[in-house]
Protein backbone atom coordinates (compact mmCIF):
# COMPACT_ATOMS: atom_id res chain seq x y z
CA MET A 1 78.30 -11.17 -93.93
CA GLY A 2 80.26 -7.95 -94.05
CA PHE A 3 81.98 -6.17 -91.26
CA ARG A 4 81.67 -2.77 -89.66
CA CYS A 5 84.89 -0.84 -89.10
CA GLY A 6 84.95 2.27 -86.96
CA ILE A 7 87.42 4.89 -88.22
CA VAL A 8 88.92 6.55 -85.14
CA GLY A 9 91.78 8.83 -84.21
CA LEU A 10 92.60 12.22 -82.82
CA PRO A 11 91.11 15.30 -84.52
CA ASN A 12 92.73 16.43 -87.77
CA VAL A 13 94.58 13.22 -88.61
CA GLY A 14 92.61 12.66 -91.83
CA LYS A 15 89.75 10.42 -90.65
CA SER A 16 86.96 12.14 -92.55
CA THR A 17 89.11 12.68 -95.64
CA LEU A 18 89.87 8.96 -95.68
CA PHE A 19 86.21 8.10 -95.08
CA ASN A 20 85.09 10.31 -97.95
CA ALA A 21 87.65 8.74 -100.26
CA LEU A 22 86.91 5.17 -99.22
CA THR A 23 83.17 5.49 -99.62
CA GLU A 24 83.48 7.86 -102.59
CA THR A 25 81.03 10.20 -100.92
CA GLN A 26 81.17 13.53 -99.18
CA ALA A 27 78.87 12.34 -96.42
CA ALA A 28 81.37 13.34 -93.76
CA GLN A 29 82.28 17.00 -93.52
CA ALA A 30 86.07 17.15 -93.76
CA ALA A 31 87.17 20.36 -92.07
CA ASN A 32 90.26 21.57 -90.28
CA TYR A 33 88.84 21.79 -86.78
CA PRO A 34 88.04 19.27 -84.02
CA PHE A 35 84.64 17.55 -83.84
CA CYS A 36 83.53 18.48 -87.34
CA THR A 37 82.01 14.99 -87.42
CA ILE A 38 79.29 15.16 -84.78
CA GLU A 39 77.28 12.07 -85.74
CA PRO A 40 78.92 8.89 -87.02
CA ASN A 41 78.66 8.64 -90.78
CA VAL A 42 78.26 5.18 -92.21
CA GLY A 43 79.36 4.32 -95.72
CA GLN A 44 78.75 1.00 -97.45
CA VAL A 45 81.68 0.07 -99.67
CA ALA A 46 81.80 -2.55 -102.39
CA VAL A 47 84.71 -4.93 -101.87
CA PRO A 48 86.79 -5.02 -105.08
CA ASP A 49 87.64 -8.56 -106.15
CA SER A 50 88.98 -9.33 -109.63
CA ARG A 51 87.92 -12.97 -109.21
CA LEU A 52 84.26 -11.94 -109.22
CA ASP A 53 84.69 -10.11 -112.53
CA GLU A 54 86.32 -13.17 -114.09
CA ILE A 55 83.61 -15.51 -112.81
CA ALA A 56 80.91 -13.17 -114.15
CA ARG A 57 82.60 -13.07 -117.55
CA ILE A 58 82.74 -16.85 -117.80
CA ALA A 59 79.19 -17.33 -116.52
CA GLY A 60 77.82 -14.59 -118.78
CA SER A 61 76.18 -12.98 -115.75
CA ALA A 62 73.91 -10.00 -116.38
CA LYS A 63 74.70 -8.48 -112.98
CA ILE A 64 77.76 -8.40 -110.75
CA ILE A 65 77.13 -8.00 -107.02
CA PRO A 66 80.20 -7.62 -104.81
CA THR A 67 80.10 -8.15 -101.09
CA GLN A 68 79.84 -5.05 -98.92
CA LEU A 69 81.52 -3.69 -95.84
CA ALA A 70 80.71 -0.66 -93.74
CA PHE A 71 83.01 2.13 -92.61
CA VAL A 72 81.86 4.36 -89.77
CA ASP A 73 83.46 7.79 -89.43
CA ILE A 74 83.43 8.45 -85.69
CA ALA A 75 83.88 11.85 -83.99
CA GLY A 76 87.48 12.72 -83.06
CA LEU A 77 88.61 11.61 -79.64
CA VAL A 78 90.58 13.66 -77.11
CA LYS A 79 92.30 12.84 -73.85
CA GLY A 80 89.73 12.37 -71.11
CA ALA A 81 87.13 10.70 -73.36
CA SER A 82 86.67 7.85 -70.87
CA LYS A 83 85.45 10.49 -68.39
CA GLY A 84 83.20 12.18 -70.92
CA GLU A 85 85.59 14.89 -72.14
CA GLY A 86 84.88 16.29 -75.59
CA LEU A 87 82.52 13.86 -77.29
CA GLY A 88 83.90 10.97 -75.24
CA ASN A 89 80.70 9.24 -74.19
CA GLN A 90 79.34 9.33 -77.73
CA PHE A 91 82.68 8.13 -79.12
CA LEU A 92 82.80 5.13 -76.79
CA GLY A 93 79.21 4.21 -77.54
CA ASN A 94 79.72 4.44 -81.30
CA ILE A 95 82.86 2.34 -81.31
CA ARG A 96 81.29 -0.34 -79.13
CA GLU A 97 78.94 -1.07 -82.05
CA THR A 98 81.74 -1.80 -84.52
CA ASP A 99 83.51 -5.10 -85.29
CA ALA A 100 86.99 -3.64 -85.69
CA ILE A 101 88.86 -0.40 -85.15
CA VAL A 102 90.54 1.36 -88.05
CA HIS A 103 92.88 3.71 -86.24
CA VAL A 104 94.07 6.54 -88.48
CA LEU A 105 97.43 7.98 -87.46
CA ARG A 106 98.98 11.12 -88.84
CA CYS A 107 102.36 10.30 -90.37
CA PHE A 108 102.87 13.48 -92.39
CA GLU A 109 104.07 17.04 -91.76
CA ASP A 110 101.88 19.95 -92.84
CA ASP A 111 102.08 23.38 -91.23
CA ASP A 112 98.67 24.27 -92.65
CA ILE A 113 96.90 21.50 -90.72
CA GLN A 114 96.88 21.98 -86.97
CA HIS A 115 97.58 18.94 -84.80
CA VAL A 116 95.62 18.81 -81.57
CA ALA A 117 98.86 18.26 -79.60
CA ASN A 118 100.95 20.61 -81.78
CA LYS A 119 103.33 17.79 -82.75
CA VAL A 120 103.39 14.84 -85.17
CA ASP A 121 103.87 11.66 -83.16
CA PRO A 122 101.69 8.73 -84.32
CA ILE A 123 102.75 6.46 -81.45
CA ALA A 124 101.74 9.06 -78.86
CA ASP A 125 98.46 9.59 -80.76
CA ALA A 126 97.77 5.85 -80.74
CA ASP A 127 98.51 5.70 -77.02
CA VAL A 128 96.02 8.48 -76.29
CA VAL A 129 93.18 6.60 -77.97
CA GLU A 130 94.22 3.21 -76.59
CA THR A 131 94.50 4.61 -73.07
CA GLU A 132 90.99 6.05 -73.17
CA LEU A 133 89.59 2.74 -74.40
CA MET A 134 91.52 0.86 -71.73
CA LEU A 135 90.28 3.19 -68.98
CA ALA A 136 86.69 2.68 -70.12
CA ASP A 137 87.12 -1.12 -70.09
CA LEU A 138 88.91 -0.98 -66.74
CA GLU A 139 86.06 0.95 -65.13
CA SER A 140 83.54 -1.55 -66.52
CA LEU A 141 85.41 -4.68 -65.41
CA GLU A 142 86.21 -3.41 -61.94
CA LYS A 143 82.45 -3.54 -61.34
CA ARG A 144 81.60 -6.67 -63.30
CA VAL A 145 84.35 -9.04 -62.20
CA PRO A 146 83.71 -8.83 -58.39
CA ASN A 147 79.98 -9.38 -59.03
CA ALA A 148 80.71 -12.43 -61.19
CA GLN A 149 83.13 -13.78 -58.58
CA LYS A 150 80.45 -13.56 -55.89
CA ARG A 151 77.88 -15.36 -58.04
CA GLY A 152 80.47 -17.95 -59.06
CA ALA A 153 81.34 -18.67 -55.44
CA SER A 154 77.68 -19.49 -54.77
CA GLY A 155 77.62 -22.13 -57.51
CA ASP A 156 76.69 -20.20 -60.67
CA LYS A 157 78.79 -21.97 -63.35
CA GLU A 158 78.38 -19.28 -66.00
CA ALA A 159 79.30 -16.56 -63.52
CA LYS A 160 82.41 -18.55 -62.59
CA ALA A 161 83.44 -18.69 -66.26
CA ILE A 162 82.76 -14.96 -66.65
CA ALA A 163 84.89 -14.22 -63.60
CA SER A 164 87.69 -16.35 -65.03
CA VAL A 165 87.90 -14.86 -68.51
CA LEU A 166 87.05 -11.27 -67.59
CA GLY A 167 89.35 -11.50 -64.59
CA GLN A 168 92.18 -12.28 -66.99
CA ALA A 169 91.20 -9.27 -69.09
CA LEU A 170 91.11 -7.08 -65.99
CA ASP A 171 94.64 -8.18 -65.03
CA LEU A 172 95.87 -7.29 -68.53
CA LEU A 173 94.26 -3.84 -68.38
CA ARG A 174 95.74 -3.15 -64.96
CA ASP A 175 99.10 -4.05 -66.49
CA GLY A 176 98.56 -1.51 -69.28
CA LYS A 177 97.74 -4.10 -71.95
CA PRO A 178 94.60 -4.35 -74.15
CA ALA A 179 91.92 -6.95 -73.46
CA ARG A 180 92.40 -8.51 -76.92
CA LEU A 181 95.44 -10.33 -75.50
CA THR A 182 93.07 -12.38 -73.30
CA GLU A 183 93.21 -16.14 -73.97
CA PRO A 184 89.89 -17.88 -73.20
CA LYS A 185 90.49 -21.49 -72.16
CA ASP A 186 87.51 -22.95 -74.05
CA GLU A 187 84.61 -22.13 -76.38
CA GLU A 188 82.34 -21.14 -73.50
CA GLU A 189 84.82 -18.58 -72.19
CA ALA A 190 85.35 -17.32 -75.73
CA ARG A 191 81.59 -16.81 -76.11
CA LEU A 192 81.29 -14.98 -72.79
CA PHE A 193 84.32 -12.85 -73.57
CA ALA A 194 82.81 -11.81 -76.90
CA GLN A 195 79.53 -10.94 -75.19
CA ALA A 196 81.37 -8.54 -72.87
CA GLN A 197 81.95 -6.21 -75.87
CA LEU A 198 85.14 -4.77 -74.44
CA LEU A 199 86.51 -1.86 -76.46
CA THR A 200 90.12 -3.04 -76.32
CA ALA A 201 89.12 -6.57 -77.35
CA LYS A 202 88.33 -5.37 -80.85
CA PRO A 203 90.96 -6.09 -83.53
CA VAL A 204 92.90 -3.01 -84.64
CA LEU A 205 94.11 -1.89 -88.04
CA TYR A 206 96.48 1.07 -87.96
CA VAL A 207 96.23 3.25 -91.06
CA CYS A 208 99.30 5.42 -91.52
CA ASN A 209 98.15 8.55 -93.34
CA VAL A 210 101.15 9.86 -95.28
CA SER A 211 101.86 12.50 -97.89
CA GLU A 212 101.76 11.66 -101.60
CA ASP A 213 105.57 11.43 -101.71
CA ASP A 214 105.61 8.69 -99.06
CA ALA A 215 102.63 6.68 -100.30
CA ALA A 216 104.71 4.00 -102.03
CA THR A 217 107.53 3.62 -99.52
CA GLY A 218 106.30 4.92 -96.17
CA ASN A 219 108.63 6.88 -93.89
CA ALA A 220 110.33 6.80 -90.50
CA LEU A 221 107.02 7.41 -88.72
CA THR A 222 105.24 4.55 -90.47
CA GLU A 223 108.12 2.22 -89.55
CA LYS A 224 107.40 2.94 -85.88
CA VAL A 225 103.69 2.22 -86.36
CA PHE A 226 104.39 -1.09 -88.13
CA ALA A 227 106.69 -2.12 -85.27
CA LYS A 228 103.95 -1.29 -82.76
CA ALA A 229 101.37 -3.26 -84.75
CA LYS A 230 103.66 -6.29 -84.96
CA ALA A 231 104.25 -6.24 -81.21
CA GLU A 232 100.50 -6.12 -80.56
CA GLY A 233 99.42 -8.68 -83.13
CA ALA A 234 97.58 -5.91 -84.99
CA GLN A 235 97.73 -4.89 -88.67
CA ALA A 236 99.05 -1.74 -90.32
CA VAL A 237 98.84 -0.25 -93.81
CA VAL A 238 100.18 2.90 -95.45
CA VAL A 239 97.60 5.12 -97.16
CA SER A 240 97.64 8.65 -98.49
CA ALA A 241 94.18 10.06 -97.87
CA ALA A 242 95.07 12.89 -100.25
CA ILE A 243 95.74 10.43 -103.07
CA GLU A 244 92.59 8.47 -102.33
CA ALA A 245 90.60 11.72 -102.52
CA GLU A 246 92.11 12.45 -105.95
CA LEU A 247 91.15 8.99 -107.22
CA VAL A 248 87.46 9.57 -106.56
CA GLY A 249 85.63 9.97 -109.85
CA MET A 250 88.50 8.78 -112.07
CA GLU A 251 87.86 6.20 -114.77
CA ALA A 252 89.67 2.87 -114.32
CA GLU A 253 92.33 3.56 -116.99
CA GLU A 254 93.04 7.04 -115.67
CA ARG A 255 93.16 5.71 -112.10
CA ASN A 256 95.65 2.97 -112.97
CA GLU A 257 97.85 5.44 -114.84
CA PHE A 258 97.80 7.86 -111.91
CA LEU A 259 98.65 5.12 -109.40
CA GLY A 260 101.45 3.87 -111.62
CA SER A 261 102.98 7.35 -111.80
CA LEU A 262 103.20 7.27 -108.00
CA GLY A 263 104.73 3.80 -107.86
CA LEU A 264 101.51 2.23 -106.55
CA GLU A 265 99.90 -0.96 -107.84
CA GLU A 266 96.56 -0.62 -106.05
CA THR A 267 94.39 1.84 -104.14
CA GLY A 268 94.52 2.42 -100.43
CA LEU A 269 90.99 1.02 -100.27
CA ALA A 270 92.19 -2.35 -101.57
CA ARG A 271 94.95 -2.46 -98.95
CA VAL A 272 92.59 -1.50 -96.14
CA ILE A 273 90.05 -4.15 -97.19
CA ARG A 274 92.65 -6.91 -97.51
CA ALA A 275 94.11 -6.06 -94.10
CA GLY A 276 90.62 -5.87 -92.62
CA PHE A 277 89.63 -9.26 -94.00
CA ASP A 278 92.82 -10.78 -92.64
CA LEU A 279 92.31 -9.08 -89.28
CA LEU A 280 88.81 -10.49 -88.85
CA GLY A 281 89.49 -13.85 -90.43
CA LEU A 282 87.02 -13.29 -93.28
CA ARG A 283 86.92 -15.17 -96.58
CA THR A 284 84.88 -15.01 -99.81
CA PHE A 285 82.86 -17.55 -101.76
CA PHE A 286 80.98 -16.99 -105.01
CA THR A 287 77.70 -17.92 -106.66
CA ALA A 288 77.32 -17.56 -110.42
CA GLY A 289 74.70 -17.89 -113.12
CA PRO A 290 73.25 -16.06 -116.11
CA LYS A 291 71.28 -13.64 -113.92
CA GLU A 292 74.08 -12.63 -111.56
CA ALA A 293 77.52 -13.39 -110.19
CA ARG A 294 77.82 -12.58 -106.52
CA ALA A 295 80.47 -12.54 -103.79
CA TRP A 296 79.63 -13.55 -100.23
CA THR A 297 81.72 -13.07 -97.11
CA PHE A 298 82.04 -15.79 -94.47
CA PRO A 299 84.25 -16.40 -91.41
CA ALA A 300 87.28 -18.62 -91.95
CA GLY A 301 86.59 -22.13 -90.70
CA ALA A 302 82.87 -22.03 -91.57
CA LYS A 303 81.26 -25.25 -92.71
CA ALA A 304 79.04 -25.45 -95.79
CA PRO A 305 75.70 -24.98 -93.96
CA GLN A 306 77.02 -21.83 -92.25
CA ALA A 307 78.15 -20.44 -95.59
CA ALA A 308 74.74 -21.25 -97.05
CA GLY A 309 73.19 -19.29 -94.20
CA GLU A 310 74.97 -16.16 -95.44
CA ILE A 311 72.62 -16.28 -98.44
CA HIS A 312 69.44 -17.15 -96.52
CA THR A 313 68.66 -18.81 -93.20
CA ASP A 314 66.46 -21.35 -95.05
CA PHE A 315 69.55 -22.52 -96.95
CA GLU A 316 71.26 -23.37 -93.68
CA LYS A 317 68.22 -24.96 -92.02
CA GLY A 318 67.42 -27.19 -94.98
CA PHE A 319 70.98 -27.78 -96.19
CA ILE A 320 71.45 -30.98 -98.20
CA ARG A 321 74.76 -30.50 -100.00
CA ALA A 322 76.98 -27.96 -101.75
CA GLU A 323 78.07 -28.36 -105.34
CA THR A 324 81.58 -26.98 -105.15
CA ILE A 325 84.15 -25.84 -107.71
CA ALA A 326 87.48 -24.32 -106.71
CA TYR A 327 88.06 -20.90 -108.25
CA THR A 328 91.15 -22.05 -110.16
CA ASP A 329 89.22 -24.97 -111.67
CA TYR A 330 86.23 -22.78 -112.55
CA VAL A 331 88.41 -20.27 -114.39
CA GLY A 332 90.94 -22.74 -115.77
CA LEU A 333 88.30 -25.03 -117.27
CA GLY A 334 85.92 -22.30 -118.36
CA GLY A 335 82.90 -22.59 -116.09
CA GLU A 336 80.49 -24.98 -114.40
CA SER A 337 79.74 -27.35 -117.28
CA ALA A 338 83.38 -27.90 -118.17
CA ALA A 339 84.28 -28.37 -114.50
CA ARG A 340 81.51 -30.95 -114.14
CA GLU A 341 82.70 -32.86 -117.21
CA ALA A 342 86.28 -32.81 -115.92
CA GLY A 343 85.20 -34.19 -112.55
CA LYS A 344 86.13 -30.98 -110.75
CA LEU A 345 82.61 -30.28 -109.46
CA ARG A 346 82.44 -31.89 -106.02
CA GLN A 347 79.43 -32.82 -103.90
CA GLU A 348 80.24 -31.63 -100.38
CA GLY A 349 78.25 -32.33 -97.23
CA LYS A 350 77.61 -30.65 -93.89
CA GLU A 351 81.16 -31.07 -92.60
CA TYR A 352 82.87 -29.44 -95.57
CA LEU A 353 85.02 -26.45 -94.62
CA VAL A 354 84.39 -23.82 -97.27
CA GLN A 355 87.54 -22.47 -98.90
CA ASP A 356 88.26 -18.92 -100.01
CA GLY A 357 87.29 -18.57 -103.67
CA ASP A 358 84.94 -21.56 -103.83
CA VAL A 359 82.16 -21.27 -106.41
CA LEU A 360 79.12 -22.86 -104.76
CA MET A 361 75.63 -24.01 -105.60
CA PHE A 362 73.60 -25.06 -102.55
CA LYS A 363 70.96 -27.76 -102.54
CA PHE A 364 68.44 -27.44 -99.73
CA ASN A 365 64.99 -28.54 -98.67
CA VAL A 366 62.69 -26.47 -96.44
C-alpha cells in the first residue's frame, strides 16, 4: 500500500520544480508561465528507509525493494476554479483521485519569477486554493444532503446516516471551515463520509518552498504557514525546490556533503515522505530473505491478516499466523536465526496489531 499525493498550488510557486526533483525526472515541464502542466504527471518514488538497508545487509539479500508512493503534479489553480475558470474542472477532477493534498506555497522572493497575484503571501495563496475546494464541496453537498434527508425521513437508514454526517460537513463549509473537521459518530458514518470523496476532507501537507538561504531555518513566511497548519490539524514542512533540483543526479557522498554545507541533515524528499506518512497514519513492515529484502506500507492499527493482504490477497484469506521479530531485535541480535534462538521471534495470531518496523514471515493456507 502506497499513497497518492496531489501536488497543488497557484501557478509559479514551484510545483513542477518540486515534482521533478522529488521523482528525479523531468516528466513535468517546469516553465515560468501558468498552466505549463496541462495533464497531471505521475511519478512513483521509492521511500528511503535506512532500516531496510540494514535488514538487507544482515539477511544477505540479493535485492532491496523499497515501498513506493506516487506524486501527481496537477495543473495550477486560479481563483474561480470551482466555476470552471482556467483549468478548474480538470484540477478538481484530478485532485479528487488523490489520497492527500501536498499544497506548495511560495515562501521566497524572486523578481525574475512572476507571481500570479503580483505579491508573495503564502497564507493568501493557501486561502485561494482552499476556498475553491470548499466552494466545490459546498455545491455538491447542497444537492446531496437534502436528497439524503428526504430518503432518511422515509425510513432509509443509510440515507439517514448520510444526511447526518454530510449535514455536519455542510455546516462546517457554510461556516468557512474544511470538511476534514467533520467528526463521524461511528464506523458507519466514517465509511459513508469517506465514500463522499469531499475535496476538503483530504489531509493536507503544506510545503513551504523557500530559497537556499532559508532551507535550514525557514523564515517569517514559513512561520505563518506552520501556525496555520497547527490550527487546522494539518502538517507543514520547509523545502527548497531549488536545492532538491541540484541534488538530482548526485552520488550519495556528494549529496551528503552538499546538504551538510547548507546545514541540512536530510533531503526535502525525506521530510515530505515522513510528514506524509504521519498525515495518513501509514507505517512500514519488512520481509527479508536471501532473495530480497522488502518494505511494505500498511495503515496504523492494522491487524496481521490485513498486513499480510498488502503482499497478496491469498495471504490474508488463508492467514494462519505471523512469525514476528521487532526491528531492534532483528538488528541487535543479527537476524532471524539469532532472534529465534534468543526467543525474540514471536508467533502472532489474527488479532496482533502490526507495529512499525516489524520483520514478518506469514504462514498461510489457501
